């Protein structure tokens, strides 16, 4: 099993924060970059397109999130890598969506926002290529003004799944839309991983996070599932993002937000791409909806973990096992299982599948 790596940053400036991170993990950033070189090539992407889009992405980040652009520059300096390589990591979803063959769906998320004053409960699987088993870590970022962000992310990428000390959490699912293939690199947009980090850096409520997400142009489709707790009230929402527009989806009447890897909002579902290529995302959603319906209105982390422990023989492969016989680029597994505590500003991170976490009390908590 992968050993959980946690890194704490307390530097006063974004550039120095990135530089220190790059100096701490230069080999891991280089390995991550090399992995995506191989993946891009495997799905037919010309490196000239990678370089061009990476440079465009960095320019867009600089225009809309200059502190994160500075942080990316620092990573490149610290790891002694060309800047476009760090930019390529942060824009890897956009590059794959624009130029690559459509990959299989991945990731399943459960959030429950109780109506009785209790805090939300959350959990998700992060399913990705097995070559990235050692390519991720937990980053604790302590800003000089007192803001604290904790994020599960890949080496060289500024953020992904996470929580901040203000009580806002973000879960992350990749989606696919027909418009992903037609985006021009010249228009204004922000990589979805950068947007997720910007939410954690700047937002103090789910309402603020939803507003930032739906008003930020993107070049690849994703879902940010938000959870928050303030004034004795739990809040949650799923923000579906695409290059042609966004949608904000509230929890169901039972308080649950259940996400897999297809659009639910009707206006965006018309351009659905991933579900068209592989209907497994619909099967996972149906299985999780059935399982959460049996949990009732007071689930805890253990209950959500149990719901995520669902295999093909149970109706859908939510808990994804290694596939060593598959070709490179199609070997998927659950690399991490993550739960957020928005009240405590902490994450519980298990480096592996939900079915391999026998004792929920042993779920490592960071924060």
Protein backbone atom coordinates (compact mmCIF):
# COMPACT_ATOMS: atom_id res chain seq x y z
CA UNK A 1 0.00 0.00 0.00
CA UNK A 2 1.14 3.54 -0.76
CA UNK A 3 2.53 5.41 2.24
CA UNK A 4 0.67 8.64 2.96
CA UNK A 5 2.91 11.69 2.47
CA UNK A 6 1.94 14.97 4.16
CA UNK A 7 3.81 18.22 3.50
CA UNK A 8 3.34 21.46 5.44
CA UNK A 9 3.97 24.87 3.87
CA UNK A 10 4.22 28.05 5.93
CA UNK A 11 6.11 30.34 3.54
CA UNK A 12 5.06 33.99 3.34
CA UNK A 13 4.82 34.24 -0.46
CA UNK A 14 3.31 31.93 -3.11
CA UNK A 15 6.58 31.82 -5.07
CA UNK A 16 8.59 30.75 -2.06
CA UNK A 17 5.92 28.20 -1.09
CA UNK A 18 6.13 26.64 -4.53
CA UNK A 19 9.93 26.75 -4.59
CA UNK A 20 10.24 24.96 -1.24
CA UNK A 21 7.77 22.30 -2.38
CA UNK A 22 9.68 21.80 -5.63
CA UNK A 23 13.00 21.51 -3.78
CA UNK A 24 11.47 18.96 -1.39
CA UNK A 25 10.09 16.70 -4.15
CA UNK A 26 12.01 17.30 -7.40
CA UNK A 27 12.17 13.62 -8.32
CA UNK A 28 8.46 13.08 -7.71
CA UNK A 29 7.54 16.10 -9.81
CA UNK A 30 9.79 14.85 -12.60
CA UNK A 31 8.27 11.36 -12.37
CA UNK A 32 4.77 12.82 -12.49
CA UNK A 33 5.70 14.89 -15.53
CA UNK A 34 7.24 11.83 -17.22
CA UNK A 35 4.10 9.79 -16.48
CA UNK A 36 1.89 12.34 -18.21
CA UNK A 37 4.31 12.52 -21.15
CA UNK A 38 3.75 8.80 -21.58
CA UNK A 39 -0.01 9.05 -21.07
CA UNK A 40 -0.38 11.92 -23.52
CA UNK A 41 1.57 9.94 -26.12
CA UNK A 42 -0.48 6.79 -25.45
CA UNK A 43 -3.73 8.59 -26.26
CA UNK A 44 -2.32 10.24 -29.37
CA UNK A 45 -1.44 13.76 -28.21
CA UNK A 46 1.39 15.56 -29.99
CA UNK A 47 3.87 17.09 -27.54
CA UNK A 48 3.77 20.34 -29.50
CA UNK A 49 0.10 20.65 -28.53
CA UNK A 50 0.98 19.88 -24.91
CA UNK A 51 3.59 22.64 -24.82
CA UNK A 52 1.35 25.19 -26.55
CA UNK A 53 -1.65 24.51 -24.33
CA UNK A 54 0.47 24.49 -21.20
CA UNK A 55 1.79 27.94 -22.00
CA UNK A 56 -1.73 29.18 -22.75
CA UNK A 57 -2.96 27.68 -19.48
CA UNK A 58 -0.24 29.43 -17.50
CA UNK A 59 -1.11 32.77 -19.10
CA UNK A 60 -4.77 32.31 -18.14
CA UNK A 61 -3.83 31.39 -14.56
CA UNK A 62 -1.65 34.48 -14.38
CA UNK A 63 -4.58 36.65 -15.47
CA UNK A 64 -7.20 35.19 -13.12
CA UNK A 65 -5.24 33.66 -10.20
CA UNK A 66 -1.82 35.37 -10.13
CA UNK A 67 -0.85 33.97 -6.72
CA UNK A 68 -1.26 30.44 -8.05
CA UNK A 69 0.74 31.31 -11.18
CA UNK A 70 3.49 32.54 -8.87
CA UNK A 71 3.27 29.31 -6.90
CA UNK A 72 3.58 27.26 -10.11
CA UNK A 73 6.65 29.28 -11.14
CA UNK A 74 8.16 28.53 -7.74
CA UNK A 75 7.57 24.79 -8.17
CA UNK A 76 9.32 24.87 -11.52
CA UNK A 77 12.32 26.71 -10.04
CA UNK A 78 12.51 24.44 -7.01
CA UNK A 79 12.29 21.22 -9.01
CA UNK A 80 14.51 22.60 -11.81
CA UNK A 81 11.86 21.95 -14.45
CA UNK A 82 10.75 24.09 -17.40
CA UNK A 83 7.72 26.11 -16.41
CA UNK A 84 5.58 24.60 -19.17
CA UNK A 85 5.95 21.20 -17.51
CA UNK A 86 4.39 22.37 -14.25
CA UNK A 87 1.72 24.17 -16.28
CA UNK A 88 1.05 20.93 -18.19
CA UNK A 89 0.43 19.07 -14.95
CA UNK A 90 -2.07 21.68 -13.81
CA UNK A 91 -3.77 21.59 -17.22
CA UNK A 92 -3.58 17.82 -17.71
CA UNK A 93 -7.39 17.48 -17.64
CA UNK A 94 -7.78 20.16 -20.31
CA UNK A 95 -5.06 18.61 -22.50
CA UNK A 96 -6.58 15.13 -22.24
CA UNK A 97 -10.08 16.48 -22.86
CA UNK A 98 -9.10 18.59 -25.87
CA UNK A 99 -6.68 16.32 -27.69
CA UNK A 100 -6.86 12.81 -26.27
CA UNK A 101 -9.07 9.80 -26.74
CA UNK A 102 -11.81 9.89 -24.10
CA UNK A 103 -10.64 7.99 -21.00
CA UNK A 104 -12.89 5.83 -18.87
CA UNK A 105 -14.94 7.51 -16.15
CA UNK A 106 -13.50 7.64 -12.66
CA UNK A 107 -14.28 8.82 -9.10
CA UNK A 108 -17.46 8.59 -7.05
CA UNK A 109 -18.53 11.12 -4.39
CA UNK A 110 -21.07 11.08 -1.58
CA UNK A 111 -22.03 14.11 0.51
CA UNK A 112 -24.85 14.27 3.03
CA UNK A 113 -26.08 17.62 4.36
CA UNK A 114 -28.42 16.93 7.31
CA UNK A 115 -31.38 19.21 7.88
CA UNK A 116 -31.26 18.88 11.67
CA UNK A 117 -28.24 21.08 12.38
CA UNK A 118 -25.53 18.44 12.22
CA UNK A 119 -22.46 19.04 10.03
CA UNK A 120 -22.20 17.45 6.57
CA UNK A 121 -20.58 14.06 6.09
CA UNK A 122 -18.54 13.39 2.95
CA UNK A 123 -16.48 10.71 1.20
CA UNK A 124 -15.14 9.96 -2.24
CA UNK A 125 -12.98 7.53 -4.16
CA UNK A 126 -10.22 8.95 -6.34
CA UNK A 127 -9.80 6.51 -9.22
CA UNK A 128 -6.97 7.17 -11.64
CA UNK A 129 -4.14 5.44 -13.49
CA UNK A 130 -2.13 2.91 -11.49
CA UNK A 131 1.07 4.66 -12.57
CA UNK A 132 0.13 7.48 -10.21
CA UNK A 133 0.02 5.37 -7.03
CA UNK A 134 2.99 7.28 -5.64
CA UNK A 135 2.27 10.49 -7.51
CA UNK A 136 0.15 12.28 -4.92
CA UNK A 137 0.32 13.67 -1.40
CA UNK A 138 -1.54 15.80 1.15
CA UNK A 139 -0.51 19.44 1.14
CA UNK A 140 -1.13 21.55 4.27
CA UNK A 141 -0.90 25.23 3.32
CA UNK A 142 -0.81 27.83 6.07
CA UNK A 143 -1.18 31.32 4.61
CA UNK A 144 0.40 34.28 6.45
CA UNK A 145 -3.03 35.83 7.07
CA UNK A 146 -4.25 32.76 8.95
CA UNK A 147 -6.05 30.95 6.15
CA UNK A 148 -5.38 27.20 6.15
CA UNK A 149 -5.96 24.85 3.22
CA UNK A 150 -5.49 21.08 3.14
CA UNK A 151 -5.63 19.39 -0.25
CA UNK A 152 -5.07 15.92 -1.69
CA UNK A 153 -3.29 16.57 -4.96
CA UNK A 154 -0.63 15.34 -7.38
CA UNK A 155 2.98 16.48 -7.26
CA UNK A 156 3.17 19.69 -9.28
CA UNK A 157 -0.60 20.38 -9.24
CA UNK A 158 -1.78 23.20 -6.99
CA UNK A 159 -4.91 21.45 -5.71
CA UNK A 160 -7.75 18.96 -6.10
CA UNK A 161 -9.87 17.53 -3.27
CA UNK A 162 -9.63 19.61 -0.11
CA UNK A 163 -10.95 21.59 2.83
CA UNK A 164 -10.19 24.96 4.37
CA UNK A 165 -10.31 26.26 7.93
CA UNK A 166 -13.28 28.50 7.06
CA UNK A 167 -15.49 25.41 6.78
CA UNK A 168 -15.64 24.81 3.01
CA UNK A 169 -14.79 21.47 1.43
CA UNK A 170 -14.42 20.43 -2.23
CA UNK A 171 -14.73 17.00 -3.80
CA UNK A 172 -13.69 16.53 -7.42
CA UNK A 173 -15.07 14.43 -10.31
CA UNK A 174 -14.05 14.69 -13.94
CA UNK A 175 -16.91 14.98 -16.46
CA UNK A 176 -16.90 14.99 -20.25
CA UNK A 177 -18.79 17.24 -22.66
CA UNK A 178 -18.76 17.51 -26.44
CA UNK A 179 -17.55 21.10 -26.11
CA UNK A 180 -14.28 19.94 -24.48
CA UNK A 181 -13.01 19.04 -27.94
CA UNK A 182 -13.75 22.39 -29.53
CA UNK A 183 -12.33 24.84 -26.99
CA UNK A 184 -9.88 27.37 -28.34
CA UNK A 185 -6.71 27.82 -26.33
CA UNK A 186 -6.94 31.57 -26.86
CA UNK A 187 -10.12 32.30 -24.90
CA UNK A 188 -10.10 33.08 -21.19
CA UNK A 189 -10.23 29.98 -18.97
CA UNK A 190 -8.78 28.47 -15.82
CA UNK A 191 -7.70 24.82 -15.42
CA UNK A 192 -10.24 22.98 -13.26
CA UNK A 193 -7.60 21.90 -10.72
CA UNK A 194 -6.53 25.52 -10.32
CA UNK A 195 -10.18 26.52 -9.86
CA UNK A 196 -10.59 23.95 -7.09
CA UNK A 197 -7.58 25.37 -5.25
CA UNK A 198 -8.84 28.94 -5.78
CA UNK A 199 -12.11 27.97 -4.10
CA UNK A 200 -10.21 26.62 -1.10
CA UNK A 201 -7.93 29.66 -0.94
CA UNK A 202 -10.58 32.35 -1.19
CA UNK A 203 -14.06 31.13 -0.23
CA UNK A 204 -15.59 31.04 3.25
CA UNK A 205 -19.06 29.70 2.38
CA UNK A 206 -20.59 27.25 -0.09
CA UNK A 207 -22.43 30.20 -1.63
CA UNK A 208 -19.17 32.05 -2.31
CA UNK A 209 -17.60 28.87 -3.69
CA UNK A 210 -20.54 28.19 -6.00
CA UNK A 211 -20.48 31.78 -7.27
CA UNK A 212 -16.75 31.60 -8.03
CA UNK A 213 -17.12 28.25 -9.77
CA UNK A 214 -20.05 29.14 -12.02
CA UNK A 215 -18.54 32.50 -13.04
CA UNK A 216 -15.08 31.15 -13.92
CA UNK A 217 -14.70 30.00 -17.54
CA UNK A 218 -13.20 26.54 -17.99
CA UNK A 219 -11.84 24.53 -20.90
CA UNK A 220 -12.63 21.06 -19.53
CA UNK A 221 -15.66 19.57 -17.83
CA UNK A 222 -15.69 18.63 -14.15
CA UNK A 223 -17.91 18.59 -11.09
CA UNK A 224 -16.95 20.35 -7.86
CA UNK A 225 -19.06 19.00 -5.00
CA UNK A 226 -19.10 21.56 -2.22
CA UNK A 227 -19.83 21.05 1.47
CA UNK A 228 -19.97 23.61 4.26
CA UNK A 229 -21.17 24.28 7.78
CA UNK A 230 -21.94 27.64 9.37
CA UNK A 231 -24.35 28.99 11.98
CA UNK A 232 -25.57 25.49 12.78
CA UNK A 233 -26.52 24.71 9.18
CA UNK A 234 -25.04 22.21 6.75
CA UNK A 235 -24.92 23.18 3.09
CA UNK A 236 -23.90 21.30 -0.04
CA UNK A 237 -24.07 21.67 -3.82
CA UNK A 238 -22.67 20.06 -6.95
CA UNK A 239 -21.31 22.51 -9.52
CA UNK A 240 -21.22 21.04 -13.02
CA UNK A 241 -18.66 22.84 -15.17
CA UNK A 242 -18.28 22.78 -18.95
CA UNK A 243 -16.83 25.11 -21.59
CA UNK A 244 -20.37 26.08 -22.67
CA UNK A 245 -21.78 26.77 -19.23
CA UNK A 246 -22.25 25.63 -15.66
CA UNK A 247 -25.04 24.43 -13.40
CA UNK A 248 -25.53 24.35 -9.63
CA UNK A 249 -27.35 21.28 -8.29
CA UNK A 250 -28.66 21.19 -4.69
CA UNK A 251 -28.88 18.05 -2.55
CA UNK A 252 -31.87 15.78 -3.03
CA UNK A 253 -34.81 15.78 -0.65
CA UNK A 254 -32.93 13.19 1.42
CA UNK A 255 -29.95 15.55 1.85
CA UNK A 256 -27.59 13.55 -0.38
CA UNK A 257 -25.42 14.73 -3.25
CA UNK A 258 -24.27 11.70 -5.24
CA UNK A 259 -21.76 12.22 -8.05
CA UNK A 260 -20.08 9.96 -10.57
CA UNK A 261 -18.83 11.10 -13.99
CA UNK A 262 -21.72 12.35 -16.11
CA UNK A 263 -23.78 15.50 -16.34
CA UNK A 264 -27.09 15.58 -14.49
CA UNK A 265 -28.31 19.09 -15.31
CA UNK A 266 -30.55 18.64 -18.40
CA UNK A 267 -29.15 21.61 -20.31
CA UNK A 268 -25.60 20.19 -20.05
CA UNK A 269 -26.52 16.50 -20.32
CA UNK A 270 -27.38 17.12 -23.98
CA UNK A 271 -23.63 17.29 -24.67
CA UNK A 272 -22.70 14.30 -22.48
CA UNK A 273 -19.50 12.58 -23.68
CA UNK A 274 -18.22 10.21 -20.97
CA UNK A 275 -21.49 8.45 -20.32
CA UNK A 276 -21.93 8.01 -24.07
CA UNK A 277 -18.53 6.33 -24.30
CA UNK A 278 -18.99 4.18 -21.19
CA UNK A 279 -22.33 3.85 -19.36
CA UNK A 280 -20.57 2.60 -16.22
CA UNK A 281 -20.96 6.06 -14.69
CA UNK A 282 -24.76 5.65 -14.78
CA UNK A 283 -24.51 2.22 -13.16
CA UNK A 284 -22.34 3.63 -10.35
CA UNK A 285 -24.76 6.48 -9.75
CA UNK A 286 -27.75 4.12 -9.58
CA UNK A 287 -25.92 1.75 -7.21
CA UNK A 288 -24.89 4.58 -4.89
CA UNK A 289 -28.37 6.10 -4.88
CA UNK A 290 -29.79 2.72 -3.91
CA UNK A 291 -27.20 2.30 -1.17
CA UNK A 292 -27.60 5.78 0.29
CA UNK A 293 -31.37 5.33 0.38
CA UNK A 294 -30.77 2.52 2.86
CA UNK A 295 -28.49 4.62 5.09
CA UNK A 296 -31.21 6.96 6.30
CA UNK A 297 -30.84 10.58 7.36
CA UNK A 298 -27.97 10.28 9.85
CA UNK A 299 -25.03 8.61 8.08
CA UNK A 300 -21.52 8.83 9.48
CA UNK A 301 -18.17 8.35 7.72
CA UNK A 302 -18.34 4.60 8.25
CA UNK A 303 -21.75 4.45 6.56
CA UNK A 304 -20.52 6.37 3.52
CA UNK A 305 -17.44 4.17 3.35
CA UNK A 306 -19.69 1.12 3.37
CA UNK A 307 -21.74 2.56 0.50
CA UNK A 308 -18.56 3.18 -1.53
CA UNK A 309 -17.43 -0.42 -0.95
CA UNK A 310 -19.33 -1.57 -4.02
CA UNK A 311 -17.87 -3.92 -6.64
CA UNK A 312 -18.96 -5.16 -10.04
CA UNK A 313 -20.69 -8.17 -8.48
CA UNK A 314 -22.67 -5.73 -6.31
CA UNK A 315 -24.00 -3.90 -9.36
CA UNK A 316 -21.27 -1.39 -10.21
CA UNK A 317 -17.51 -0.99 -9.80
CA UNK A 318 -17.30 1.95 -7.41
CA UNK A 319 -14.37 0.43 -5.50
CA UNK A 320 -11.89 -0.04 -8.32
CA UNK A 321 -9.24 -2.78 -8.13
CA UNK A 322 -5.91 -2.96 -10.00
CA UNK A 323 -5.99 -4.26 -13.57
CA UNK A 324 -2.37 -5.31 -14.25
CA UNK A 325 -3.30 -7.18 -17.44
CA UNK A 326 -4.78 -4.08 -19.08
CA UNK A 327 -2.85 -1.88 -21.50
CA UNK A 328 -1.10 1.24 -20.28
CA UNK A 329 -3.54 4.13 -20.15
CA UNK A 330 -6.47 1.86 -19.23
CA UNK A 331 -5.24 0.47 -15.90
CA UNK A 332 -7.51 2.06 -13.31
CA UNK A 333 -7.72 1.65 -9.58
CA UNK A 334 -8.88 3.55 -6.52
CA UNK A 335 -5.72 5.35 -5.44
CA UNK A 336 -7.25 7.06 -2.42
CA UNK A 337 -10.42 7.27 -0.35
CA UNK A 338 -11.01 10.71 1.15
CA UNK A 339 -13.45 12.20 3.65
CA UNK A 340 -13.66 15.86 4.67
CA UNK A 341 -14.41 17.33 8.11
CA UNK A 342 -15.46 20.89 7.31
CA UNK A 343 -15.94 21.78 10.98
CA UNK A 344 -12.45 20.70 11.99
CA UNK A 345 -10.84 21.74 8.71
CA UNK A 346 -9.30 18.28 8.34
CA UNK A 347 -9.23 15.38 5.90
CA UNK A 348 -9.31 11.65 6.47
CA UNK A 349 -7.19 10.05 3.74
CA UNK A 350 -6.77 6.35 3.10
CA UNK A 351 -4.15 5.52 0.43
CA UNK A 352 -6.19 2.79 -1.22
CA UNK A 353 -9.63 1.38 -1.89
CA UNK A 354 -12.54 1.65 0.53
CA UNK A 355 -12.73 -2.13 0.81
CA UNK A 356 -9.13 -2.20 2.08
CA UNK A 357 -9.95 0.08 5.02
CA UNK A 358 -11.28 -2.50 7.44
CA UNK A 359 -11.36 -0.19 10.47
CA UNK A 360 -12.76 3.28 9.83
CA UNK A 361 -11.17 4.36 13.11
CA UNK A 362 -7.79 3.78 11.46
CA UNK A 363 -8.56 6.25 8.67
CA UNK A 364 -5.57 8.65 8.88
CA UNK A 365 -6.72 12.18 9.69
CA UNK A 366 -4.68 15.17 8.53
CA UNK A 367 -5.37 18.45 10.27
